[in-house]
Structures are given as structure tokens and as C-alpha cells.
């Protein structure tokens, strides 16, 4: 689940994903309905470790504007630069992990934190 953000008074779910075959981080924004409008007076509390909000009769739920057919309204793409490694060290992008990996003779392929 992503983060709820507002743009032009409309609520969106912000979902961050790593590119599978391209070293990039994509942020997708899906329009949602059933969430309080920006600036609405809402109250939130924690129940069983989960944050729950309520606004009049609405209790912490939302759905996509077109159900399962909803496409993101916009996408922001940010390239992830290759890490600096010693000369001769192999590096590769792991879309599954969403990070760069480098090959160490002693340990094999290990993850390199994204900058």
C-alpha cells in the first residue's frame, strides 16, 4: 500500500516501484475515491497497530476511481545511477530487489544501497 497525497484537491495513492529491467525508481499516482478531501477535519487513532482515520461516517477506507481498471494519472521516473566501485568489479541492476548489486569474489553478488 502506498501513501495518500493530494494534488489540486484530489486524493491519490502514491506507489513507489523499482524498474525491473531499467535502473530507475518510478512513482505512480492512482486517483482514489472515498477519502476525505484535502483540508477536511479528520481525526485519527491507532487500533491494533494500524492507523485509522474517520471523517463523519467514513472510516479509513478508500477505493480506486475505476476499480481494478484504474491507471495511474501520472508517473514520475528517477534514474538510479550506478554505484562507484573498484576497477574490475562487476555491477548489475536487480529489478527484483530494486537496487544495484556488485560481485565480490568472497561472497558473490551482494546488494549496494541506492544513493
N, C-alpha and C. Protein backbone atom coordinates (compact mmCIF):
# COMPACT_ATOMS: atom_id res chain seq x y z
N UNK A 1 0.84 -1.17 0.00
CA UNK A 1 0.00 0.00 0.00
C UNK A 1 0.88 1.24 0.00
N UNK A 2 0.44 2.25 -0.71
CA UNK A 2 1.22 3.46 -0.83
C UNK A 2 0.80 4.53 0.17
N UNK A 3 1.24 5.73 -0.10
CA UNK A 3 0.95 6.88 0.74
C UNK A 3 -0.13 7.70 0.06
N UNK A 4 -1.01 8.31 0.84
CA UNK A 4 -2.05 9.18 0.30
C UNK A 4 -1.48 10.58 0.16
N UNK A 5 -1.57 11.15 -1.05
CA UNK A 5 -1.11 12.52 -1.31
C UNK A 5 -2.24 13.26 -2.03
N UNK A 6 -2.18 14.58 -1.98
CA UNK A 6 -3.18 15.42 -2.64
C UNK A 6 -2.52 16.25 -3.73
N UNK A 7 -3.22 16.41 -4.83
CA UNK A 7 -2.77 17.29 -5.91
C UNK A 7 -4.01 17.95 -6.49
N UNK A 8 -4.03 19.26 -6.51
CA UNK A 8 -5.19 20.03 -6.99
C UNK A 8 -6.47 19.62 -6.27
N UNK A 9 -6.36 19.32 -4.97
CA UNK A 9 -7.54 18.97 -4.18
C UNK A 9 -8.06 17.56 -4.38
N UNK A 10 -7.36 16.74 -5.16
CA UNK A 10 -7.78 15.35 -5.41
C UNK A 10 -6.83 14.41 -4.68
N UNK A 11 -7.38 13.37 -4.07
CA UNK A 11 -6.56 12.40 -3.35
C UNK A 11 -6.02 11.33 -4.31
N UNK A 12 -4.76 10.97 -4.12
CA UNK A 12 -4.10 9.94 -4.92
C UNK A 12 -3.36 8.99 -3.99
N UNK A 13 -3.25 7.74 -4.42
CA UNK A 13 -2.36 6.81 -3.72
C UNK A 13 -1.03 6.86 -4.45
N UNK A 14 0.03 7.14 -3.72
CA UNK A 14 1.38 7.23 -4.28
C UNK A 14 2.06 5.88 -4.06
N UNK A 15 2.43 5.21 -5.16
CA UNK A 15 3.06 3.90 -5.09
C UNK A 15 4.45 4.01 -5.71
N UNK A 16 5.47 3.58 -4.97
CA UNK A 16 6.85 3.65 -5.45
C UNK A 16 7.30 2.25 -5.84
N UNK A 17 7.85 2.15 -7.07
CA UNK A 17 8.28 0.85 -7.60
C UNK A 17 9.66 0.99 -8.24
N UNK A 18 10.43 -0.08 -8.20
CA UNK A 18 11.72 -0.11 -8.88
C UNK A 18 11.51 -0.63 -10.30
N UNK A 19 12.27 -0.06 -11.24
CA UNK A 19 12.22 -0.55 -12.61
C UNK A 19 12.76 -1.97 -12.66
N UNK A 20 12.09 -2.85 -13.40
CA UNK A 20 12.53 -4.24 -13.42
C UNK A 20 13.78 -4.43 -14.27
N UNK A 21 13.78 -3.86 -15.48
CA UNK A 21 14.94 -4.05 -16.35
C UNK A 21 15.77 -2.78 -16.53
N UNK A 22 15.25 -1.65 -16.04
CA UNK A 22 15.94 -0.37 -16.17
C UNK A 22 16.23 0.16 -14.77
N UNK A 23 17.46 0.66 -14.53
CA UNK A 23 17.77 1.19 -13.20
C UNK A 23 17.07 2.53 -12.94
N UNK A 24 15.83 2.46 -12.47
CA UNK A 24 15.07 3.66 -12.16
C UNK A 24 14.07 3.36 -11.06
N UNK A 25 13.64 4.41 -10.39
CA UNK A 25 12.57 4.32 -9.40
C UNK A 25 11.39 5.09 -9.99
N UNK A 26 10.24 4.41 -10.11
CA UNK A 26 9.04 5.04 -10.66
C UNK A 26 8.06 5.29 -9.52
N UNK A 27 7.49 6.48 -9.50
CA UNK A 27 6.45 6.82 -8.53
C UNK A 27 5.16 7.00 -9.31
N UNK A 28 4.15 6.16 -9.01
CA UNK A 28 2.87 6.18 -9.71
C UNK A 28 1.81 6.80 -8.81
N UNK A 29 0.91 7.56 -9.40
CA UNK A 29 -0.15 8.23 -8.65
C UNK A 29 -1.51 7.76 -9.17
N UNK A 30 -2.25 7.01 -8.35
CA UNK A 30 -3.55 6.49 -8.71
C UNK A 30 -4.65 7.32 -8.05
N UNK A 31 -5.65 7.80 -8.82
CA UNK A 31 -6.75 8.55 -8.21
C UNK A 31 -7.61 7.63 -7.35
N UNK A 32 -8.02 8.13 -6.19
CA UNK A 32 -8.85 7.33 -5.30
C UNK A 32 -10.11 8.09 -4.92
N UNK A 33 -11.10 7.35 -4.50
CA UNK A 33 -12.35 7.94 -4.02
C UNK A 33 -12.62 7.40 -2.62
N UNK A 34 -13.47 8.08 -1.88
CA UNK A 34 -13.80 7.62 -0.54
C UNK A 34 -12.80 8.05 0.51
N UNK A 35 -12.03 9.08 0.23
CA UNK A 35 -11.05 9.59 1.19
C UNK A 35 -11.39 11.04 1.45
N UNK A 36 -11.24 11.54 2.65
CA UNK A 36 -11.62 12.93 2.94
C UNK A 36 -10.90 13.91 2.02
N UNK A 37 -11.57 14.98 1.59
CA UNK A 37 -10.90 15.98 0.75
C UNK A 37 -9.79 16.68 1.53
N UNK A 38 -8.85 17.23 0.80
CA UNK A 38 -7.72 17.93 1.41
C UNK A 38 -8.24 19.06 2.30
N UNK A 39 -7.71 19.18 3.49
CA UNK A 39 -8.10 20.23 4.41
C UNK A 39 -9.31 19.88 5.26
N UNK A 40 -9.94 18.71 5.01
CA UNK A 40 -11.10 18.32 5.81
C UNK A 40 -10.64 17.99 7.22
N UNK A 41 -11.50 18.25 8.17
CA UNK A 41 -11.17 17.94 9.55
C UNK A 41 -11.35 16.44 9.77
N UNK A 42 -10.26 15.78 9.98
CA UNK A 42 -10.31 14.34 10.25
C UNK A 42 -9.59 14.09 11.56
N UNK A 43 -9.89 12.99 12.17
CA UNK A 43 -9.20 12.58 13.37
C UNK A 43 -8.69 11.17 13.12
N UNK A 44 -7.56 10.85 13.69
CA UNK A 44 -7.03 9.51 13.52
C UNK A 44 -6.61 8.96 14.87
N UNK A 45 -6.56 7.65 14.94
CA UNK A 45 -6.13 6.97 16.16
C UNK A 45 -5.55 5.63 15.74
N UNK A 46 -4.88 4.97 16.67
CA UNK A 46 -4.28 3.67 16.38
C UNK A 46 -5.10 2.56 17.01
N UNK A 47 -5.36 1.53 16.22
CA UNK A 47 -6.10 0.37 16.70
C UNK A 47 -5.36 -0.88 16.23
N UNK A 48 -4.94 -1.70 17.13
CA UNK A 48 -4.19 -2.91 16.81
C UNK A 48 -2.97 -2.62 15.93
N UNK A 49 -2.29 -1.50 16.21
CA UNK A 49 -1.07 -1.16 15.49
C UNK A 49 -1.31 -0.50 14.14
N UNK A 50 -2.56 -0.31 13.72
CA UNK A 50 -2.87 0.31 12.44
C UNK A 50 -3.46 1.69 12.66
N UNK A 51 -3.08 2.63 11.81
CA UNK A 51 -3.63 3.97 11.93
C UNK A 51 -4.99 4.00 11.23
N UNK A 52 -6.00 4.45 11.94
CA UNK A 52 -7.36 4.52 11.41
C UNK A 52 -7.80 5.97 11.46
N UNK A 53 -8.42 6.46 10.39
CA UNK A 53 -8.94 7.82 10.42
C UNK A 53 -10.46 7.77 10.31
N UNK A 54 -11.10 8.80 10.74
CA UNK A 54 -12.54 8.88 10.49
C UNK A 54 -12.93 10.32 10.18
N UNK A 55 -13.88 10.44 9.31
CA UNK A 55 -14.39 11.73 8.86
C UNK A 55 -15.89 11.55 8.70
N UNK A 56 -16.65 12.07 9.63
CA UNK A 56 -18.09 11.85 9.68
C UNK A 56 -18.36 10.35 9.69
N UNK A 57 -18.94 9.78 8.64
CA UNK A 57 -19.25 8.34 8.62
C UNK A 57 -18.17 7.52 7.93
N UNK A 58 -17.18 8.15 7.37
CA UNK A 58 -16.15 7.46 6.62
C UNK A 58 -15.07 6.95 7.56
N UNK A 59 -14.75 5.66 7.49
CA UNK A 59 -13.77 5.09 8.41
C UNK A 59 -12.66 4.41 7.63
N UNK A 60 -11.55 5.10 7.44
CA UNK A 60 -10.31 4.55 6.94
C UNK A 60 -10.32 3.67 5.73
N UNK A 61 -11.25 3.84 4.80
CA UNK A 61 -11.24 3.02 3.61
C UNK A 61 -11.26 3.91 2.37
N UNK A 62 -10.75 3.38 1.28
CA UNK A 62 -10.84 4.08 0.01
C UNK A 62 -10.80 3.05 -1.10
N UNK A 63 -11.17 3.46 -2.30
CA UNK A 63 -11.08 2.58 -3.46
C UNK A 63 -10.56 3.38 -4.64
N UNK A 64 -10.07 2.68 -5.64
CA UNK A 64 -9.61 3.36 -6.84
C UNK A 64 -10.80 3.90 -7.61
N UNK A 65 -10.57 4.98 -8.36
CA UNK A 65 -11.65 5.65 -9.08
C UNK A 65 -12.36 4.72 -10.06
N UNK A 66 -11.64 3.84 -10.74
CA UNK A 66 -12.25 2.92 -11.71
C UNK A 66 -12.08 1.46 -11.30
N UNK A 67 -12.01 1.21 -10.02
CA UNK A 67 -11.84 -0.16 -9.54
C UNK A 67 -10.52 -0.74 -10.02
N UNK A 68 -10.53 -2.00 -10.44
CA UNK A 68 -9.32 -2.68 -10.88
C UNK A 68 -8.80 -2.19 -12.22
N UNK A 69 -9.54 -1.35 -12.92
CA UNK A 69 -9.12 -0.85 -14.23
C UNK A 69 -8.44 0.52 -14.14
N UNK A 70 -8.22 1.01 -12.93
CA UNK A 70 -7.64 2.34 -12.74
C UNK A 70 -6.18 2.35 -13.18
N UNK A 71 -5.83 3.32 -13.99
CA UNK A 71 -4.45 3.54 -14.41
C UNK A 71 -3.91 4.76 -13.66
N UNK A 72 -2.60 4.83 -13.48
CA UNK A 72 -2.06 6.00 -12.78
C UNK A 72 -2.30 7.26 -13.60
N UNK A 73 -2.62 8.36 -12.92
CA UNK A 73 -2.84 9.63 -13.59
C UNK A 73 -1.53 10.19 -14.11
N UNK A 74 -0.47 10.04 -13.33
CA UNK A 74 0.85 10.45 -13.79
C UNK A 74 1.91 9.60 -13.12
N UNK A 75 3.08 9.56 -13.77
CA UNK A 75 4.21 8.76 -13.29
C UNK A 75 5.46 9.63 -13.29
N UNK A 76 6.20 9.59 -12.20
CA UNK A 76 7.49 10.29 -12.11
C UNK A 76 8.58 9.22 -12.12
N UNK A 77 9.55 9.38 -13.00
CA UNK A 77 10.65 8.42 -13.09
C UNK A 77 11.96 9.10 -12.70
N UNK A 78 12.72 8.41 -11.85
CA UNK A 78 14.00 8.94 -11.39
C UNK A 78 15.07 7.88 -11.63
N UNK A 79 16.07 8.16 -12.47
CA UNK A 79 17.12 7.17 -12.71
C UNK A 79 17.97 6.94 -11.46
N UNK A 80 18.43 5.72 -11.31
CA UNK A 80 19.30 5.37 -10.18
C UNK A 80 20.71 5.17 -10.75
N UNK A 81 21.64 6.07 -10.43
CA UNK A 81 22.98 5.96 -11.00
C UNK A 81 23.72 4.72 -10.50
N UNK A 82 24.60 4.24 -11.35
CA UNK A 82 25.43 3.09 -10.99
C UNK A 82 26.35 3.46 -9.83
N UNK A 83 26.55 2.55 -8.87
CA UNK A 83 27.41 2.87 -7.73
C UNK A 83 28.88 2.93 -8.13
N UNK A 84 29.65 3.66 -7.34
CA UNK A 84 31.09 3.72 -7.57
C UNK A 84 31.71 2.49 -6.90
N UNK A 85 32.44 1.71 -7.69
CA UNK A 85 33.10 0.51 -7.17
C UNK A 85 34.54 0.49 -7.67
N UNK A 86 35.31 -0.40 -7.12
CA UNK A 86 36.71 -0.53 -7.55
C UNK A 86 36.76 -0.99 -9.00
N UNK A 87 37.83 -0.61 -9.67
CA UNK A 87 38.01 -1.02 -11.06
C UNK A 87 38.02 -2.55 -11.17
N UNK A 88 37.31 -3.07 -12.15
CA UNK A 88 37.27 -4.52 -12.36
C UNK A 88 36.13 -5.21 -11.62
N UNK A 89 35.40 -4.51 -10.75
CA UNK A 89 34.28 -5.10 -10.03
C UNK A 89 33.03 -5.03 -10.90
N UNK A 90 32.37 -6.17 -11.09
CA UNK A 90 31.15 -6.21 -11.89
C UNK A 90 29.97 -5.66 -11.09
N UNK A 91 29.10 -4.93 -11.77
CA UNK A 91 27.86 -4.44 -11.15
C UNK A 91 26.71 -4.77 -12.09
N UNK A 92 25.52 -4.94 -11.50
CA UNK A 92 24.31 -5.18 -12.28
C UNK A 92 23.11 -4.62 -11.52
N UNK A 93 22.05 -4.29 -12.26
CA UNK A 93 20.81 -3.79 -11.67
C UNK A 93 19.91 -4.98 -11.38
N UNK A 94 19.39 -5.04 -10.17
CA UNK A 94 18.44 -6.09 -9.79
C UNK A 94 17.07 -5.45 -9.65
N UNK A 95 16.24 -5.58 -10.67
CA UNK A 95 14.89 -5.05 -10.61
C UNK A 95 14.05 -5.75 -9.56
N UNK A 96 14.36 -7.01 -9.30
CA UNK A 96 13.62 -7.77 -8.28
C UNK A 96 13.84 -7.15 -6.90
N UNK A 97 15.08 -6.76 -6.62
CA UNK A 97 15.41 -6.15 -5.32
C UNK A 97 15.29 -4.63 -5.35
N UNK A 98 15.32 -4.04 -6.54
CA UNK A 98 15.24 -2.58 -6.65
C UNK A 98 16.52 -1.88 -6.25
N UNK A 99 17.66 -2.51 -6.51
CA UNK A 99 18.95 -1.90 -6.16
C UNK A 99 20.04 -2.46 -7.06
N UNK A 100 21.19 -1.82 -6.99
CA UNK A 100 22.37 -2.31 -7.70
C UNK A 100 22.99 -3.43 -6.87
N UNK A 101 23.69 -4.32 -7.57
CA UNK A 101 24.45 -5.39 -6.91
C UNK A 101 25.87 -5.36 -7.46
N UNK A 102 26.81 -5.75 -6.61
CA UNK A 102 28.19 -5.89 -7.07
C UNK A 102 28.66 -7.31 -6.77
N UNK A 103 29.58 -7.78 -7.58
CA UNK A 103 30.07 -9.14 -7.42
C UNK A 103 31.37 -9.13 -6.64
N UNK A 104 31.36 -9.79 -5.47
CA UNK A 104 32.55 -9.93 -4.65
C UNK A 104 33.06 -11.35 -4.79
N UNK A 105 34.35 -11.53 -4.94
CA UNK A 105 34.92 -12.86 -5.10
C UNK A 105 34.64 -13.75 -3.90
N UNK A 106 34.59 -13.14 -2.71
CA UNK A 106 34.41 -13.94 -1.50
C UNK A 106 32.94 -14.25 -1.20
N UNK A 107 32.00 -13.36 -1.59
CA UNK A 107 30.59 -13.53 -1.20
C UNK A 107 29.64 -13.68 -2.37
N UNK A 108 30.13 -13.43 -3.59
CA UNK A 108 29.24 -13.48 -4.75
C UNK A 108 28.51 -12.14 -4.91
N UNK A 109 27.28 -12.16 -5.41
CA UNK A 109 26.53 -10.92 -5.65
C UNK A 109 25.94 -10.42 -4.34
N UNK A 110 26.23 -9.15 -4.02
CA UNK A 110 25.71 -8.52 -2.81
C UNK A 110 25.07 -7.18 -3.19
N UNK A 111 24.04 -6.79 -2.45
CA UNK A 111 23.33 -5.53 -2.70
C UNK A 111 24.17 -4.33 -2.33
N UNK A 112 24.02 -3.27 -3.12
CA UNK A 112 24.67 -1.99 -2.84
C UNK A 112 23.55 -0.99 -2.58
N UNK A 113 23.55 -0.30 -1.43
CA UNK A 113 22.48 0.66 -1.14
C UNK A 113 22.40 1.75 -2.21
N UNK A 114 21.16 2.11 -2.57
CA UNK A 114 20.95 3.20 -3.52
C UNK A 114 21.30 4.52 -2.86
N UNK A 115 21.87 5.45 -3.64
CA UNK A 115 22.25 6.75 -3.06
C UNK A 115 21.02 7.56 -2.67
